[in-house]
Amino acid sequence: MVNLLTLAVFATIDEAAISGLKHAAAICDPQYECGGVVRAVPGGFEASALISSKRPFGVDLAEFYGPEVVADFHTHVCSIHNQAFADFFSMSDAIVNQELHTVGYMLSLCDWNIRRYDPSQDDRDDEEVDFRSGRVIYLTCGHIVGWVPPLPEEEVALELTVARRRNRLTTHST
């Protein structure tokens, strides 16, 4: 089977990664992380085929890496277990991009934003994340470079989440 995504050559790394993540949102099982890499090719950049981890956390992109890779991209699932940190790059995400000198892109399936982390420009561990248990960790937020419209069933869940957050804010402020 031909992956039509790999036939497209994009002018920028951002365009290739965002296209790859939009494709992932459309075809990957939202219960598992899914991703790929962006390669420099003659005339621009292309996104690789997608690979799924078949598990909720972590996707191994090692088989895609080579000297022409300039970025990687992956999804973060949205579950009750990771809602507090799904919108951040994990420590291992940030370390991989730092060590390999690549840009990282991540689509959170909780808020549907696409975030970019460039270790040469962005601070690592720049955001404090507080858990209800009292535990505090620091994660990398990068910056938002795109958005994917949620699928209809996720849209309902997103609306419920927003309503709950509004309710909590109203409850706490009164």
N, C-alpha and C. Protein backbone atom coordinates (compact mmCIF):
# COMPACT_ATOMS: atom_id res chain seq x y z
N MET A 1 0.84 -1.17 0.00
CA MET A 1 0.00 0.00 0.00
C MET A 1 0.89 1.24 0.00
N VAL A 2 0.53 2.22 -0.80
CA VAL A 2 1.29 3.47 -0.89
C VAL A 2 0.73 4.45 0.12
N ASN A 3 1.59 5.08 0.88
CA ASN A 3 1.18 6.12 1.80
C ASN A 3 1.24 7.44 1.04
N LEU A 4 0.09 7.99 0.67
CA LEU A 4 0.04 9.20 -0.14
C LEU A 4 0.71 10.38 0.56
N LEU A 5 0.75 10.35 1.88
CA LEU A 5 1.38 11.43 2.63
C LEU A 5 2.86 11.55 2.27
N THR A 6 3.54 10.43 2.07
CA THR A 6 4.97 10.48 1.77
C THR A 6 5.26 10.97 0.36
N LEU A 7 4.25 11.06 -0.48
CA LEU A 7 4.46 11.57 -1.83
C LEU A 7 4.45 13.10 -1.87
N ALA A 8 3.93 13.73 -0.82
CA ALA A 8 3.85 15.19 -0.77
C ALA A 8 5.16 15.77 -0.25
N VAL A 9 5.65 16.78 -0.93
CA VAL A 9 6.84 17.50 -0.48
C VAL A 9 6.38 18.88 -0.03
N PHE A 10 6.75 19.25 1.19
CA PHE A 10 6.33 20.50 1.80
C PHE A 10 7.49 21.48 1.83
N ALA A 11 7.17 22.76 1.84
CA ALA A 11 8.19 23.81 1.85
C ALA A 11 8.87 23.94 3.21
N THR A 12 8.14 23.63 4.29
CA THR A 12 8.71 23.80 5.63
C THR A 12 8.54 22.53 6.46
N ILE A 13 9.36 22.44 7.51
CA ILE A 13 9.25 21.33 8.45
C ILE A 13 7.89 21.38 9.13
N ASP A 14 7.45 22.58 9.53
CA ASP A 14 6.15 22.72 10.19
C ASP A 14 5.03 22.15 9.33
N GLU A 15 5.01 22.51 8.05
CA GLU A 15 3.93 22.03 7.16
C GLU A 15 3.92 20.51 7.06
N ALA A 16 5.08 19.90 6.96
CA ALA A 16 5.16 18.44 6.86
C ALA A 16 4.69 17.77 8.15
N ALA A 17 5.15 18.27 9.30
CA ALA A 17 4.77 17.67 10.58
C ALA A 17 3.28 17.86 10.86
N ILE A 18 2.77 19.05 10.59
CA ILE A 18 1.35 19.31 10.82
C ILE A 18 0.50 18.42 9.92
N SER A 19 0.89 18.24 8.68
CA SER A 19 0.18 17.35 7.78
C SER A 19 0.22 15.91 8.31
N GLY A 20 1.39 15.47 8.80
CA GLY A 20 1.52 14.13 9.37
C GLY A 20 0.61 13.93 10.57
N LEU A 21 0.52 14.95 11.43
CA LEU A 21 -0.33 14.83 12.62
C LEU A 21 -1.82 14.88 12.27
N LYS A 22 -2.18 15.65 11.26
CA LYS A 22 -3.58 15.66 10.83
C LYS A 22 -3.96 14.29 10.25
N HIS A 23 -3.03 13.69 9.53
CA HIS A 23 -3.25 12.34 9.00
C HIS A 23 -3.38 11.34 10.14
N ALA A 24 -2.51 11.47 11.15
CA ALA A 24 -2.57 10.58 12.32
C ALA A 24 -3.91 10.71 13.04
N ALA A 25 -4.39 11.94 13.20
CA ALA A 25 -5.67 12.16 13.87
C ALA A 25 -6.81 11.50 13.11
N ALA A 26 -6.70 11.46 11.80
CA ALA A 26 -7.76 10.91 10.97
C ALA A 26 -7.77 9.39 10.93
N ILE A 27 -6.59 8.75 11.02
CA ILE A 27 -6.57 7.30 10.80
C ILE A 27 -6.09 6.46 11.97
N CYS A 28 -5.39 7.03 12.94
CA CYS A 28 -4.84 6.24 14.04
C CYS A 28 -5.88 6.01 15.13
N ASP A 29 -5.76 4.88 15.80
CA ASP A 29 -6.62 4.57 16.95
C ASP A 29 -6.28 5.56 18.07
N PRO A 30 -7.24 6.36 18.55
CA PRO A 30 -6.94 7.38 19.57
C PRO A 30 -6.56 6.81 20.94
N GLN A 31 -6.65 5.49 21.10
CA GLN A 31 -6.25 4.87 22.37
C GLN A 31 -4.75 4.61 22.44
N TYR A 32 -4.05 4.77 21.31
CA TYR A 32 -2.63 4.48 21.24
C TYR A 32 -1.87 5.66 20.64
N GLU A 33 -0.63 5.86 21.10
CA GLU A 33 0.20 6.88 20.47
C GLU A 33 0.56 6.43 19.06
N CYS A 34 0.72 7.43 18.19
CA CYS A 34 0.98 7.17 16.78
C CYS A 34 1.86 8.30 16.28
N GLY A 35 2.77 8.02 15.37
CA GLY A 35 3.62 9.10 14.88
C GLY A 35 4.49 8.71 13.73
N GLY A 36 5.43 9.61 13.43
CA GLY A 36 6.37 9.42 12.33
C GLY A 36 7.46 10.46 12.41
N VAL A 37 8.17 10.65 11.31
CA VAL A 37 9.27 11.62 11.26
C VAL A 37 9.12 12.49 10.02
N VAL A 38 9.86 13.60 10.03
CA VAL A 38 9.95 14.48 8.87
C VAL A 38 11.38 14.38 8.36
N ARG A 39 11.49 14.14 7.05
CA ARG A 39 12.81 14.02 6.41
C ARG A 39 13.05 15.19 5.46
N ALA A 40 14.30 15.62 5.39
CA ALA A 40 14.71 16.59 4.37
C ALA A 40 14.88 15.82 3.08
N VAL A 41 14.24 16.29 2.01
CA VAL A 41 14.33 15.66 0.70
C VAL A 41 14.60 16.77 -0.33
N PRO A 42 15.05 16.42 -1.52
CA PRO A 42 15.25 17.46 -2.53
C PRO A 42 13.96 18.27 -2.73
N GLY A 43 14.07 19.57 -2.59
CA GLY A 43 12.92 20.44 -2.79
C GLY A 43 12.11 20.74 -1.54
N GLY A 44 12.46 20.14 -0.37
CA GLY A 44 11.70 20.45 0.83
C GLY A 44 11.73 19.36 1.88
N PHE A 45 10.56 19.04 2.39
CA PHE A 45 10.44 18.09 3.51
C PHE A 45 9.24 17.19 3.29
N GLU A 46 9.36 15.93 3.75
CA GLU A 46 8.23 15.01 3.65
C GLU A 46 8.03 14.28 4.98
N ALA A 47 6.78 13.94 5.24
CA ALA A 47 6.43 13.16 6.43
C ALA A 47 6.50 11.68 6.09
N SER A 48 6.97 10.89 7.01
CA SER A 48 7.06 9.44 6.82
C SER A 48 5.68 8.80 6.95
N ALA A 49 5.66 7.51 6.72
CA ALA A 49 4.48 6.72 7.04
C ALA A 49 4.28 6.78 8.55
N LEU A 50 3.12 6.39 9.01
CA LEU A 50 2.81 6.41 10.44
C LEU A 50 3.05 5.05 11.06
N ILE A 51 3.37 5.07 12.33
CA ILE A 51 3.51 3.84 13.10
C ILE A 51 2.77 4.04 14.42
N SER A 52 2.12 2.99 14.89
CA SER A 52 1.39 3.04 16.15
C SER A 52 2.14 2.23 17.19
N SER A 53 2.05 2.68 18.42
CA SER A 53 2.72 1.97 19.50
C SER A 53 1.92 0.75 19.95
N LYS A 54 0.63 0.74 19.65
CA LYS A 54 -0.29 -0.29 20.15
C LYS A 54 -0.30 -0.31 21.68
N ARG A 55 0.05 0.86 22.28
CA ARG A 55 -0.06 1.04 23.73
C ARG A 55 -0.32 2.52 23.99
N PRO A 56 -0.91 2.85 25.13
CA PRO A 56 -1.34 4.23 25.36
C PRO A 56 -0.20 5.25 25.47
N PHE A 57 0.96 4.84 25.94
CA PHE A 57 2.02 5.81 26.16
C PHE A 57 3.31 5.37 25.49
N GLY A 58 3.87 6.27 24.68
CA GLY A 58 5.14 6.01 24.01
C GLY A 58 4.97 5.38 22.65
N VAL A 59 5.73 5.88 21.69
CA VAL A 59 5.79 5.27 20.37
C VAL A 59 7.25 5.30 19.94
N ASP A 60 7.76 4.15 19.49
CA ASP A 60 9.16 4.01 19.12
C ASP A 60 9.34 4.34 17.64
N LEU A 61 9.98 5.48 17.38
CA LEU A 61 10.19 5.92 16.00
C LEU A 61 11.59 5.58 15.48
N ALA A 62 12.34 4.76 16.22
CA ALA A 62 13.73 4.46 15.88
C ALA A 62 13.89 3.92 14.46
N GLU A 63 12.95 3.10 13.99
CA GLU A 63 13.08 2.52 12.65
C GLU A 63 13.01 3.58 11.55
N PHE A 64 12.49 4.75 11.86
CA PHE A 64 12.40 5.83 10.87
C PHE A 64 13.61 6.75 10.86
N TYR A 65 14.39 6.71 11.94
CA TYR A 65 15.47 7.70 12.06
C TYR A 65 16.64 7.39 11.13
N GLY A 66 17.18 8.46 10.56
CA GLY A 66 18.36 8.41 9.71
C GLY A 66 18.92 9.82 9.63
N PRO A 67 20.01 10.01 8.91
CA PRO A 67 20.65 11.32 8.86
C PRO A 67 19.78 12.42 8.24
N GLU A 68 18.80 12.05 7.44
CA GLU A 68 17.95 13.04 6.78
C GLU A 68 16.76 13.50 7.64
N VAL A 69 16.59 12.88 8.81
CA VAL A 69 15.48 13.23 9.69
C VAL A 69 15.76 14.55 10.40
N VAL A 70 14.79 15.47 10.30
CA VAL A 70 14.93 16.79 10.93
C VAL A 70 13.92 17.00 12.05
N ALA A 71 12.90 16.14 12.11
CA ALA A 71 11.86 16.30 13.13
C ALA A 71 11.13 14.98 13.32
N ASP A 72 10.44 14.88 14.45
CA ASP A 72 9.53 13.76 14.66
C ASP A 72 8.19 14.31 15.11
N PHE A 73 7.16 13.50 15.00
CA PHE A 73 5.83 13.92 15.43
C PHE A 73 5.08 12.71 15.97
N HIS A 74 4.21 12.99 16.94
CA HIS A 74 3.41 11.91 17.53
C HIS A 74 2.19 12.48 18.23
N THR A 75 1.24 11.59 18.52
CA THR A 75 0.03 11.98 19.24
C THR A 75 0.20 11.63 20.72
N HIS A 76 -0.56 12.33 21.55
CA HIS A 76 -0.71 11.97 22.96
C HIS A 76 -2.17 11.61 23.18
N VAL A 77 -2.43 10.43 23.71
CA VAL A 77 -3.80 10.01 23.97
C VAL A 77 -4.40 10.90 25.06
N CYS A 78 -5.71 10.90 25.13
CA CYS A 78 -6.41 11.65 26.17
C CYS A 78 -7.21 10.65 27.01
N SER A 79 -6.74 10.42 28.20
CA SER A 79 -7.44 9.50 29.10
C SER A 79 -7.46 10.09 30.49
N ILE A 80 -8.22 9.50 31.35
CA ILE A 80 -8.30 9.96 32.73
C ILE A 80 -6.93 9.88 33.42
N HIS A 81 -6.08 8.99 32.92
CA HIS A 81 -4.76 8.76 33.53
C HIS A 81 -3.73 9.82 33.16
N ASN A 82 -3.94 10.54 32.06
CA ASN A 82 -2.91 11.49 31.64
C ASN A 82 -3.43 12.88 31.29
N GLN A 83 -4.68 13.18 31.63
CA GLN A 83 -5.24 14.49 31.26
C GLN A 83 -4.41 15.65 31.78
N ALA A 84 -3.82 15.51 32.95
CA ALA A 84 -3.04 16.61 33.54
C ALA A 84 -1.80 16.95 32.73
N PHE A 85 -1.26 15.98 31.98
CA PHE A 85 -0.01 16.24 31.27
C PHE A 85 -0.02 15.88 29.79
N ALA A 86 -1.19 15.57 29.23
CA ALA A 86 -1.27 15.21 27.80
C ALA A 86 -0.90 16.36 26.88
N ASP A 87 -1.02 17.59 27.36
CA ASP A 87 -0.74 18.76 26.53
C ASP A 87 0.73 19.19 26.58
N PHE A 88 1.57 18.39 27.20
CA PHE A 88 2.99 18.70 27.34
C PHE A 88 3.84 17.60 26.69
N PHE A 89 5.04 17.97 26.28
CA PHE A 89 6.01 16.97 25.84
C PHE A 89 6.52 16.26 27.08
N SER A 90 6.62 14.95 27.03
CA SER A 90 7.14 14.20 28.17
C SER A 90 8.64 14.46 28.30
N MET A 91 9.18 14.07 29.42
CA MET A 91 10.62 14.21 29.63
C MET A 91 11.38 13.45 28.54
N SER A 92 10.92 12.24 28.22
CA SER A 92 11.63 11.45 27.20
C SER A 92 11.47 12.08 25.80
N ASP A 93 10.29 12.67 25.51
CA ASP A 93 10.13 13.38 24.23
C ASP A 93 11.19 14.46 24.09
N ALA A 94 11.30 15.30 25.11
CA ALA A 94 12.24 16.43 25.07
C ALA A 94 13.69 15.96 25.00
N ILE A 95 14.03 14.92 25.73
CA ILE A 95 15.41 14.42 25.73
C ILE A 95 15.79 13.88 24.35
N VAL A 96 14.88 13.13 23.72
CA VAL A 96 15.15 12.59 22.38
C VAL A 96 15.43 13.72 21.41
N ASN A 97 14.58 14.75 21.42
CA ASN A 97 14.78 15.86 20.50
C ASN A 97 16.07 16.61 20.80
N GLN A 98 16.41 16.75 22.06
CA GLN A 98 17.67 17.42 22.42
C GLN A 98 18.87 16.62 21.94
N GLU A 99 18.88 15.34 22.24
CA GLU A 99 20.03 14.49 21.90
C GLU A 99 20.19 14.29 20.40
N LEU A 100 19.08 14.19 19.67
CA LEU A 100 19.15 13.96 18.23
C LEU A 100 19.17 15.25 17.42
N HIS A 101 19.08 16.39 18.11
CA HIS A 101 19.07 17.70 17.44
C HIS A 101 17.96 17.79 16.40
N THR A 102 16.78 17.34 16.81
CA THR A 102 15.60 17.38 15.94
C THR A 102 14.51 18.19 16.62
N VAL A 103 13.56 18.62 15.83
CA VAL A 103 12.40 19.34 16.34
C VAL A 103 11.31 18.31 16.63
N GLY A 104 10.59 18.50 17.72
CA GLY A 104 9.50 17.59 18.08
C GLY A 104 8.15 18.25 17.89
N TYR A 105 7.19 17.48 17.40
CA TYR A 105 5.81 17.95 17.25
C TYR A 105 4.91 16.96 17.95
N MET A 106 3.87 17.47 18.60
CA MET A 106 2.97 16.60 19.34
C MET A 106 1.54 17.13 19.21
N LEU A 107 0.63 16.21 18.94
CA LEU A 107 -0.80 16.53 18.91
C LEU A 107 -1.43 15.92 20.15
N SER A 108 -1.95 16.78 21.03
CA SER A 108 -2.67 16.30 22.20
C SER A 108 -4.11 16.02 21.79
N LEU A 109 -4.56 14.80 22.02
CA LEU A 109 -5.93 14.46 21.72
C LEU A 109 -6.88 14.92 22.83
N CYS A 110 -6.35 15.67 23.81
CA CYS A 110 -7.20 16.30 24.83
C CYS A 110 -7.65 17.69 24.37
N ASP A 111 -6.72 18.51 23.89
CA ASP A 111 -7.11 19.86 23.46
C ASP A 111 -6.99 20.06 21.95
N TRP A 112 -6.48 19.06 21.23
CA TRP A 112 -6.38 19.04 19.77
C TRP A 112 -5.41 20.08 19.21
N ASN A 113 -4.54 20.61 20.06
CA ASN A 113 -3.51 21.54 19.60
C ASN A 113 -2.26 20.77 19.18
N ILE A 114 -1.59 21.29 18.17
CA ILE A 114 -0.30 20.75 17.73
C ILE A 114 0.76 21.66 18.31
N ARG A 115 1.70 21.06 19.05
CA ARG A 115 2.76 21.83 19.68
C ARG A 115 4.11 21.47 19.07
N ARG A 116 4.98 22.45 19.06
CA ARG A 116 6.33 22.30 18.49
C ARG A 116 7.33 22.56 19.60
N TYR A 117 8.32 21.67 19.71
CA TYR A 117 9.42 21.87 20.65
C TYR A 117 10.72 21.81 19.87
N ASP A 118 11.43 22.93 19.83
CA ASP A 118 12.72 23.01 19.17
C ASP A 118 13.76 23.25 20.26
N PRO A 119 14.57 22.24 20.57
CA PRO A 119 15.53 22.38 21.66
C PRO A 119 16.52 23.54 21.47
N SER A 120 16.71 23.99 20.23
CA SER A 120 17.64 25.10 20.02
C SER A 120 16.98 26.46 20.30
N GLN A 121 15.65 26.48 20.46
CA GLN A 121 14.94 27.74 20.69
C GLN A 121 14.08 27.75 21.94
N ASP A 122 13.54 26.60 22.32
CA ASP A 122 12.58 26.53 23.43
C ASP A 122 13.22 26.00 24.70
N ASP A 123 12.75 26.52 25.83
CA ASP A 123 13.22 26.03 27.12
C ASP A 123 12.62 24.65 27.39
N ARG A 124 13.41 23.83 28.07
CA ARG A 124 12.93 22.52 28.48
C ARG A 124 12.46 22.60 29.92
N ASP A 125 11.47 21.80 30.27
CA ASP A 125 10.94 21.76 31.63
C ASP A 125 10.54 23.15 32.10
N ASP A 126 9.80 23.85 31.25
CA ASP A 126 9.45 25.24 31.53
C ASP A 126 8.08 25.42 32.18
N GLU A 127 7.35 24.35 32.36
CA GLU A 127 5.99 24.47 32.87
C GLU A 127 5.79 23.58 34.09
N GLU A 128 5.30 24.15 35.17
CA GLU A 128 5.02 23.39 36.40
C GLU A 128 3.66 22.73 36.25
N VAL A 129 3.60 21.42 36.48
CA VAL A 129 2.34 20.68 36.41
C VAL A 129 2.06 20.13 37.80
N ASP A 130 0.94 20.57 38.38
CA ASP A 130 0.55 20.15 39.72
C ASP A 130 -0.51 19.07 39.63
N PHE A 131 -0.32 18.01 40.38
CA PHE A 131 -1.30 16.93 40.43
C PHE A 131 -2.13 17.08 41.69
N ARG A 132 -3.31 16.52 41.68
CA ARG A 132 -4.19 16.59 42.86
C ARG A 132 -3.54 15.96 44.08
N SER A 133 -2.64 15.02 43.86
CA SER A 133 -1.97 14.34 44.97
C SER A 133 -0.97 15.26 45.67
N GLY A 134 -0.68 16.41 45.05
CA GLY A 134 0.31 17.31 45.61
C GLY A 134 1.66 17.20 44.93
N ARG A 135 1.81 16.18 44.09
CA ARG A 135 3.06 15.99 43.36
C ARG A 135 3.20 17.09 42.31
N VAL A 136 4.40 17.60 42.15
CA VAL A 136 4.67 18.64 41.16
C VAL A 136 5.81 18.15 40.27
N ILE A 137 5.62 18.27 38.94
CA ILE A 137 6.70 17.95 38.01
C ILE A 137 6.81 19.10 37.02
N TYR A 138 7.92 19.17 36.33
CA TYR A 138 8.13 20.19 35.31
C TYR A 138 8.20 19.50 33.95
N LEU A 139 7.41 20.01 33.01
CA LEU A 139 7.37 19.45 31.68
C LEU A 139 7.57 20.56 30.65
N THR A 140 7.77 20.15 29.42
CA THR A 140 8.04 21.08 28.33
C THR A 140 6.75 21.35 27.58
N CYS A 141 6.43 22.63 27.41
CA CYS A 141 5.18 22.94 26.70
C CYS A 141 5.41 23.28 25.23
N GLY A 142 6.62 23.71 24.84
CA GLY A 142 6.83 24.12 23.45
C GLY A 142 5.90 25.27 23.13
N HIS A 143 5.45 25.35 21.88
CA HIS A 143 4.46 26.36 21.54
C HIS A 143 3.51 25.83 20.46
N ILE A 144 2.30 26.34 20.48
CA ILE A 144 1.25 25.85 19.58
C ILE A 144 1.50 26.37 18.16
N VAL A 145 1.47 25.43 17.20
CA VAL A 145 1.68 25.79 15.79
C VAL A 145 0.52 25.37 14.90
N GLY A 146 -0.46 24.71 15.48
CA GLY A 146 -1.59 24.27 14.67
C GLY A 146 -2.67 23.66 15.54
N TRP A 147 -3.74 23.27 14.89
CA TRP A 147 -4.89 22.69 15.57
C TRP A 147 -5.57 21.74 14.62
N VAL A 148 -6.10 20.65 15.16
CA VAL A 148 -6.84 19.69 14.37
C VAL A 148 -8.27 19.68 14.91
N PRO A 149 -9.27 19.86 14.05
CA PRO A 149 -10.64 19.78 14.56
C PRO A 149 -10.91 18.39 15.10
N PRO A 150 -11.48 18.30 16.30
CA PRO A 150 -11.75 16.98 16.88
C PRO A 150 -12.79 16.22 16.04
N LEU A 151 -12.69 14.93 16.10
CA LEU A 151 -13.69 14.10 15.46
C LEU A 151 -15.00 14.26 16.23
N PRO A 152 -16.14 14.00 15.61
CA PRO A 152 -17.42 14.27 16.27
C PRO A 152 -17.55 13.71 17.69
N GLU A 153 -17.19 12.45 17.93
CA GLU A 153 -17.33 11.89 19.28
C GLU A 153 -16.36 12.55 20.26
N GLU A 154 -15.16 12.93 19.79
CA GLU A 154 -14.22 13.63 20.64
C GLU A 154 -14.69 15.06 20.91
N GLU A 155 -15.42 15.64 19.94
CA GLU A 155 -15.93 16.99 20.10
C GLU A 155 -16.89 17.05 21.29
N VAL A 156 -17.75 16.04 21.42
CA VAL A 156 -18.68 15.98 22.55
C VAL A 156 -17.90 15.87 23.85
N ALA A 157 -16.89 15.00 23.88
CA ALA A 157 -16.07 14.85 25.09
C ALA A 157 -15.34 16.15 25.42
N LEU A 158 -14.85 16.85 24.40
CA LEU A 158 -14.17 18.12 24.61
C LEU A 158 -15.13 19.15 25.20
N GLU A 159 -16.35 19.22 24.67
CA GLU A 159 -17.34 20.16 25.21
C GLU A 159 -17.65 19.85 26.66
N LEU A 160 -17.75 18.56 27.02
CA LEU A 160 -18.00 18.18 28.41
C LEU A 160 -16.84 18.60 29.31
N THR A 161 -15.62 18.42 28.82
CA THR A 161 -14.44 18.81 29.59
C THR A 161 -14.43 20.31 29.83
N VAL A 162 -14.71 21.09 28.80
CA VAL A 162 -14.75 22.55 28.94
C VAL A 162 -15.83 22.95 29.92
N ALA A 163 -17.01 22.33 29.83
CA ALA A 163 -18.11 22.64 30.75
C ALA A 163 -17.73 22.30 32.19
N ARG A 164 -17.06 21.16 32.40
CA ARG A 164 -16.63 20.78 33.75
C ARG A 164 -15.62 21.78 34.30
N ARG A 165 -14.67 22.20 33.45
CA ARG A 165 -13.67 23.18 33.90
C ARG A 165 -14.33 24.50 34.26
N ARG A 166 -15.27 24.95 33.43
CA ARG A 166 -15.99 26.19 33.75
C ARG A 166 -16.72 26.06 35.07
N ASN A 167 -17.34 24.90 35.27
CA ASN A 167 -18.08 24.64 36.50
C ASN A 167 -17.14 24.68 37.71
N ARG A 168 -15.95 24.07 37.57
CA ARG A 168 -14.97 24.09 38.66
C ARG A 168 -14.52 25.49 38.95
N LEU A 169 -14.27 26.29 37.90
CA LEU A 169 -13.83 27.68 38.09
C LEU A 169 -14.92 28.49 38.77
N THR A 170 -16.17 28.29 38.35
CA THR A 170 -17.28 29.01 38.96
C THR A 170 -17.44 28.60 40.41
N THR A 171 -17.32 27.31 40.69
CA THR A 171 -17.46 26.80 42.03
C THR A 171 -16.37 27.33 42.95
N HIS A 172 -15.12 27.38 42.45
CA HIS A 172 -14.00 27.82 43.27
C HIS A 172 -13.99 29.34 43.46
N SER A 173 -14.56 30.09 42.54
CA SER A 173 -14.49 31.55 42.65
C SER A 173 -15.64 32.13 43.46
N THR A 174 -16.63 31.31 43.79
CA THR A 174 -17.75 31.83 44.59
C THR A 174 -17.59 31.54 46.05
